[in-house]
Amino acid sequence: MERNHDPDVPATRNQERLAFLLVTAVIFPLMAVLIVAGYGFLVWGWQMFFAGPPTG
């Protein structure tokens, strides 16, 4: 199968379906995990070096 890299030629349905599945099944979940983990790491670092453990 030859791939088209000409920007004037529209993508086929299969290419669009593959791109959609890649974005929804791989990229979005990975980004969500990385964002939550990054925020947790920032909070951990802030408490470790500046604020101390949370008190209630």
PDB file of N, CA and C in Angstrom:
ATOM      1  N   MET A   1       0.846  -1.186   0.000  1.00  0.00           N
ATOM      2  CA  MET A   1       0.000   0.000   0.000  1.00  0.00           C
ATOM      3  C   MET A   1       0.885   1.240   0.000  1.00  0.00           C
ATOM      4  N   GLU A   2       0.634   2.092  -0.919  1.00  0.00           N
ATOM      5  CA  GLU A   2       1.414   3.318  -1.042  1.00  0.00           C
ATOM      6  C   GLU A   2       0.774   4.417  -0.215  1.00  0.00           C
ATOM      7  N   ARG A   3       1.602   5.138   0.520  1.00  0.00           N
ATOM      8  CA  ARG A   3       1.076   6.213   1.367  1.00  0.00           C
ATOM      9  C   ARG A   3       1.133   7.533   0.621  1.00  0.00           C
ATOM     10  N   ASN A   4       0.087   8.304   0.790  1.00  0.00           N
ATOM     11  CA  ASN A   4       0.011   9.621   0.174  1.00  0.00           C
ATOM     12  C   ASN A   4       0.454  10.681   1.159  1.00  0.00           C
ATOM     13  N   HIS A   5       1.421  11.481   0.764  1.00  0.00           N
ATOM     14  CA  HIS A   5       1.884  12.562   1.627  1.00  0.00           C
ATOM     15  C   HIS A   5       1.582  13.920   1.016  1.00  0.00           C
ATOM     16  N   ASP A   6       0.795  13.932  -0.042  1.00  0.00           N
ATOM     17  CA  ASP A   6       0.406  15.178  -0.682  1.00  0.00           C
ATOM     18  C   ASP A   6      -0.693  15.834   0.153  1.00  0.00           C
ATOM     19  N   PRO A   7      -0.486  17.062   0.644  1.00  0.00           N
ATOM     20  CA  PRO A   7      -1.497  17.699   1.506  1.00  0.00           C
ATOM     21  C   PRO A   7      -2.806  17.995   0.777  1.00  0.00           C
ATOM     22  N   ASP A   8      -2.796  17.994  -0.555  1.00  0.00           N
ATOM     23  CA  ASP A   8      -4.021  18.285  -1.299  1.00  0.00           C
ATOM     24  C   ASP A   8      -4.929  17.064  -1.423  1.00  0.00           C
ATOM     25  N   VAL A   9      -4.390  15.862  -1.146  1.00  0.00           N
ATOM     26  CA  VAL A   9      -5.179  14.635  -1.264  1.00  0.00           C
ATOM     27  C   VAL A   9      -5.787  14.320   0.097  1.00  0.00           C
ATOM     28  N   PRO A  10      -7.119  14.181   0.173  1.00  0.00           N
ATOM     29  CA  PRO A  10      -7.746  13.908   1.474  1.00  0.00           C
ATOM     30  C   PRO A  10      -7.390  12.507   1.993  1.00  0.00           C
ATOM     31  N   ALA A  11      -7.426  12.352   3.307  1.00  0.00           N
ATOM     32  CA  ALA A  11      -7.125  11.067   3.932  1.00  0.00           C
ATOM     33  C   ALA A  11      -8.266  10.091   3.668  1.00  0.00           C
ATOM     34  N   THR A  12      -7.920   8.824   3.611  1.00  0.00           N
ATOM     35  CA  THR A  12      -8.949   7.811   3.402  1.00  0.00           C
ATOM     36  C   THR A  12      -9.684   7.555   4.714  1.00  0.00           C
ATOM     37  N   ARG A  13     -10.813   6.848   4.627  1.00  0.00           N
ATOM     38  CA  ARG A  13     -11.580   6.526   5.828  1.00  0.00           C
ATOM     39  C   ARG A  13     -10.758   5.682   6.788  1.00  0.00           C
ATOM     40  N   ASN A  14     -10.003   4.728   6.273  1.00  0.00           N
ATOM     41  CA  ASN A  14      -9.204   3.868   7.139  1.00  0.00           C
ATOM     42  C   ASN A  14      -8.118   4.657   7.868  1.00  0.00           C
ATOM     43  N   GLN A  15      -7.508   5.615   7.183  1.00  0.00           N
ATOM     44  CA  GLN A  15      -6.499   6.454   7.834  1.00  0.00           C
ATOM     45  C   GLN A  15      -7.131   7.302   8.928  1.00  0.00           C
ATOM     46  N   GLU A  16      -8.301   7.839   8.648  1.00  0.00           N
ATOM     47  CA  GLU A  16      -8.988   8.648   9.658  1.00  0.00           C
ATOM     48  C   GLU A  16      -9.409   7.791  10.847  1.00  0.00           C
ATOM     49  N   ARG A  17      -9.901   6.577  10.593  1.00  0.00           N
ATOM     50  CA  ARG A  17     -10.300   5.679  11.669  1.00  0.00           C
ATOM     51  C   ARG A  17      -9.094   5.295  12.524  1.00  0.00           C
ATOM     52  N   LEU A  18      -7.978   4.993  11.882  1.00  0.00           N
ATOM     53  CA  LEU A  18      -6.760   4.644  12.612  1.00  0.00           C
ATOM     54  C   LEU A  18      -6.264   5.823  13.452  1.00  0.00           C
ATOM     55  N   ALA A  19      -6.312   7.018  12.894  1.00  0.00           N
ATOM     56  CA  ALA A  19      -5.893   8.197  13.639  1.00  0.00           C
ATOM     57  C   ALA A  19      -6.815   8.443  14.836  1.00  0.00           C
ATOM     58  N   PHE A  20      -8.113   8.278  14.645  1.00  0.00           N
ATOM     59  CA  PHE A  20      -9.075   8.457  15.735  1.00  0.00           C
ATOM     60  C   PHE A  20      -8.821   7.452  16.850  1.00  0.00           C
ATOM     61  N   LEU A  21      -8.617   6.179  16.485  1.00  0.00           N
ATOM     62  CA  LEU A  21      -8.357   5.156  17.495  1.00  0.00           C
ATOM     63  C   LEU A  21      -7.055   5.414  18.226  1.00  0.00           C
ATOM     64  N   LEU A  22      -6.051   5.862  17.517  1.00  0.00           N
ATOM     65  CA  LEU A  22      -4.770   6.180  18.152  1.00  0.00           C
ATOM     66  C   LEU A  22      -4.940   7.303  19.173  1.00  0.00           C
ATOM     67  N   VAL A  23      -5.666   8.332  18.794  1.00  0.00           N
ATOM     68  CA  VAL A  23      -5.859   9.470  19.690  1.00  0.00           C
ATOM     69  C   VAL A  23      -6.705   9.075  20.901  1.00  0.00           C
ATOM     70  N   THR A  24      -7.806   8.358  20.681  1.00  0.00           N
ATOM     71  CA  THR A  24      -8.717   8.054  21.787  1.00  0.00           C
ATOM     72  C   THR A  24      -8.238   6.908  22.662  1.00  0.00           C
ATOM     73  N   ALA A  25      -7.502   5.948  22.112  1.00  0.00           N
ATOM     74  CA  ALA A  25      -7.112   4.770  22.882  1.00  0.00           C
ATOM     75  C   ALA A  25      -5.705   4.865  23.444  1.00  0.00           C
ATOM     76  N   VAL A  26      -4.858   5.730  22.876  1.00  0.00           N
ATOM     77  CA  VAL A  26      -3.460   5.786  23.313  1.00  0.00           C
ATOM     78  C   VAL A  26      -3.089   7.172  23.833  1.00  0.00           C
ATOM     79  N   ILE A  27      -3.257   8.173  23.012  1.00  0.00           N
ATOM     80  CA  ILE A  27      -2.714   9.497  23.338  1.00  0.00           C
ATOM     81  C   ILE A  27      -3.485  10.161  24.482  1.00  0.00           C
ATOM     82  N   PHE A  28      -4.829  10.178  24.421  1.00  0.00           N
ATOM     83  CA  PHE A  28      -5.592  10.825  25.488  1.00  0.00           C
ATOM     84  C   PHE A  28      -5.399  10.149  26.845  1.00  0.00           C
ATOM     85  N   PRO A  29      -5.495   8.820  26.932  1.00  0.00           N
ATOM     86  CA  PRO A  29      -5.256   8.196  28.241  1.00  0.00           C
ATOM     87  C   PRO A  29      -3.836   8.420  28.750  1.00  0.00           C
ATOM     88  N   LEU A  30      -2.863   8.358  27.859  1.00  0.00           N
ATOM     89  CA  LEU A  30      -1.480   8.590  28.269  1.00  0.00           C
ATOM     90  C   LEU A  30      -1.287  10.019  28.773  1.00  0.00           C
ATOM     91  N   MET A  31      -1.868  10.980  28.084  1.00  0.00           N
ATOM     92  CA  MET A  31      -1.763  12.370  28.528  1.00  0.00           C
ATOM     93  C   MET A  31      -2.461  12.575  29.873  1.00  0.00           C
ATOM     94  N   ALA A  32      -3.608  11.943  30.080  1.00  0.00           N
ATOM     95  CA  ALA A  32      -4.323  12.068  31.355  1.00  0.00           C
ATOM     96  C   ALA A  32      -3.478  11.526  32.494  1.00  0.00           C
ATOM     97  N   VAL A  33      -2.876  10.357  32.296  1.00  0.00           N
ATOM     98  CA  VAL A  33      -2.030   9.770  33.341  1.00  0.00           C
ATOM     99  C   VAL A  33      -0.820  10.661  33.604  1.00  0.00           C
ATOM    100  N   LEU A  34      -0.191  11.164  32.566  1.00  0.00           N
ATOM    101  CA  LEU A  34       0.988  12.016  32.749  1.00  0.00           C
ATOM    102  C   LEU A  34       0.642  13.327  33.449  1.00  0.00           C
ATOM    103  N   ILE A  35      -0.511  13.893  33.143  1.00  0.00           N
ATOM    104  CA  ILE A  35      -0.910  15.147  33.799  1.00  0.00           C
ATOM    105  C   ILE A  35      -1.176  14.916  35.283  1.00  0.00           C
ATOM    106  N   VAL A  36      -1.917  13.853  35.618  1.00  0.00           N
ATOM    107  CA  VAL A  36      -2.213  13.560  37.017  1.00  0.00           C
ATOM    108  C   VAL A  36      -0.943  13.217  37.776  1.00  0.00           C
ATOM    109  N   ALA A  37      -0.071  12.406  37.169  1.00  0.00           N
ATOM    110  CA  ALA A  37       1.191  12.050  37.824  1.00  0.00           C
ATOM    111  C   ALA A  37       2.086  13.268  37.996  1.00  0.00           C
ATOM    112  N   GLY A  38       2.124  14.130  37.009  1.00  0.00           N
ATOM    113  CA  GLY A  38       2.924  15.349  37.119  1.00  0.00           C
ATOM    114  C   GLY A  38       2.430  16.262  38.214  1.00  0.00           C
ATOM    115  N   TYR A  39       1.116  16.396  38.328  1.00  0.00           N
ATOM    116  CA  TYR A  39       0.554  17.218  39.395  1.00  0.00           C
ATOM    117  C   TYR A  39       0.870  16.615  40.765  1.00  0.00           C
ATOM    118  N   GLY A  40       0.734  15.309  40.878  1.00  0.00           N
ATOM    119  CA  GLY A  40       1.075  14.645  42.132  1.00  0.00           C
ATOM    120  C   GLY A  40       2.543  14.827  42.489  1.00  0.00           C
ATOM    121  N   PHE A  41       3.407  14.755  41.489  1.00  0.00           N
ATOM    122  CA  PHE A  41       4.831  14.967  41.733  1.00  0.00           C
ATOM    123  C   PHE A  41       5.104  16.392  42.194  1.00  0.00           C
ATOM    124  N   LEU A  42       4.432  17.365  41.591  1.00  0.00           N
ATOM    125  CA  LEU A  42       4.610  18.758  42.016  1.00  0.00           C
ATOM    126  C   LEU A  42       4.137  18.967  43.454  1.00  0.00           C
ATOM    127  N   VAL A  43       2.996  18.388  43.803  1.00  0.00           N
ATOM    128  CA  VAL A  43       2.490  18.515  45.174  1.00  0.00           C
ATOM    129  C   VAL A  43       3.451  17.843  46.137  1.00  0.00           C
ATOM    130  N   TRP A  44       3.955  16.661  45.784  1.00  0.00           N
ATOM    131  CA  TRP A  44       4.910  15.955  46.636  1.00  0.00           C
ATOM    132  C   TRP A  44       6.171  16.803  46.841  1.00  0.00           C
ATOM    133  N   GLY A  45       6.685  17.371  45.767  1.00  0.00           N
ATOM    134  CA  GLY A  45       7.885  18.213  45.876  1.00  0.00           C
ATOM    135  C   GLY A  45       7.639  19.451  46.719  1.00  0.00           C
ATOM    136  N   TRP A  46       6.480  20.076  46.531  1.00  0.00           N
ATOM    137  CA  TRP A  46       6.143  21.266  47.319  1.00  0.00           C
ATOM    138  C   TRP A  46       6.078  20.926  48.807  1.00  0.00           C
ATOM    139  N   GLN A  47       5.430  19.813  49.152  1.00  0.00           N
ATOM    140  CA  GLN A  47       5.318  19.420  50.551  1.00  0.00           C
ATOM    141  C   GLN A  47       6.671  18.971  51.104  1.00  0.00           C
ATOM    142  N   MET A  48       7.482  18.337  50.284  1.00  0.00           N
ATOM    143  CA  MET A  48       8.762  17.811  50.734  1.00  0.00           C
ATOM    144  C   MET A  48       9.738  18.943  51.074  1.00  0.00           C
ATOM    145  N   PHE A  49       9.751  20.004  50.252  1.00  0.00           N
ATOM    146  CA  PHE A  49      10.792  21.021  50.401  1.00  0.00           C
ATOM    147  C   PHE A  49      10.314  22.350  50.964  1.00  0.00           C
ATOM    148  N   PHE A  50       9.017  22.647  50.878  1.00  0.00           N
ATOM    149  CA  PHE A  50       8.562  23.964  51.313  1.00  0.00           C
ATOM    150  C   PHE A  50       7.479  23.936  52.387  1.00  0.00           C
ATOM    151  N   ALA A  51       6.414  23.209  52.172  1.00  0.00           N
ATOM    152  CA  ALA A  51       5.243  23.341  53.027  1.00  0.00           C
ATOM    153  C   ALA A  51       5.191  22.337  54.169  1.00  0.00           C
ATOM    154  N   GLY A  52       5.868  21.249  54.075  1.00  0.00           N
ATOM    155  CA  GLY A  52       5.780  20.228  55.103  1.00  0.00           C
ATOM    156  C   GLY A  52       4.550  19.354  54.875  1.00  0.00           C
ATOM    157  N   PRO A  53       4.381  18.348  55.693  1.00  0.00           N
ATOM    158  CA  PRO A  53       3.246  17.448  55.500  1.00  0.00           C
ATOM    159  C   PRO A  53       1.925  18.156  55.792  1.00  0.00           C
ATOM    160  N   PRO A  54       0.848  17.695  55.175  1.00  0.00           N
ATOM    161  CA  PRO A  54      -0.444  18.328  55.428  1.00  0.00           C
ATOM    162  C   PRO A  54      -0.899  18.073  56.858  1.00  0.00           C
ATOM    163  N   THR A  55      -1.514  19.076  57.428  1.00  0.00           N
ATOM    164  CA  THR A  55      -2.028  18.923  58.796  1.00  0.00           C
ATOM    165  C   THR A  55      -3.527  19.139  58.769  1.00  0.00           C
ATOM    166  N   GLY A  56      -4.217  18.470  59.625  1.00  0.00           N
ATOM    167  CA  GLY A  56      -5.666  18.577  59.618  1.00  0.00           C
ATOM    168  C   GLY A  56      -6.136  19.009  60.942  1.00  0.00           C
TER     169      GLY A  56
END
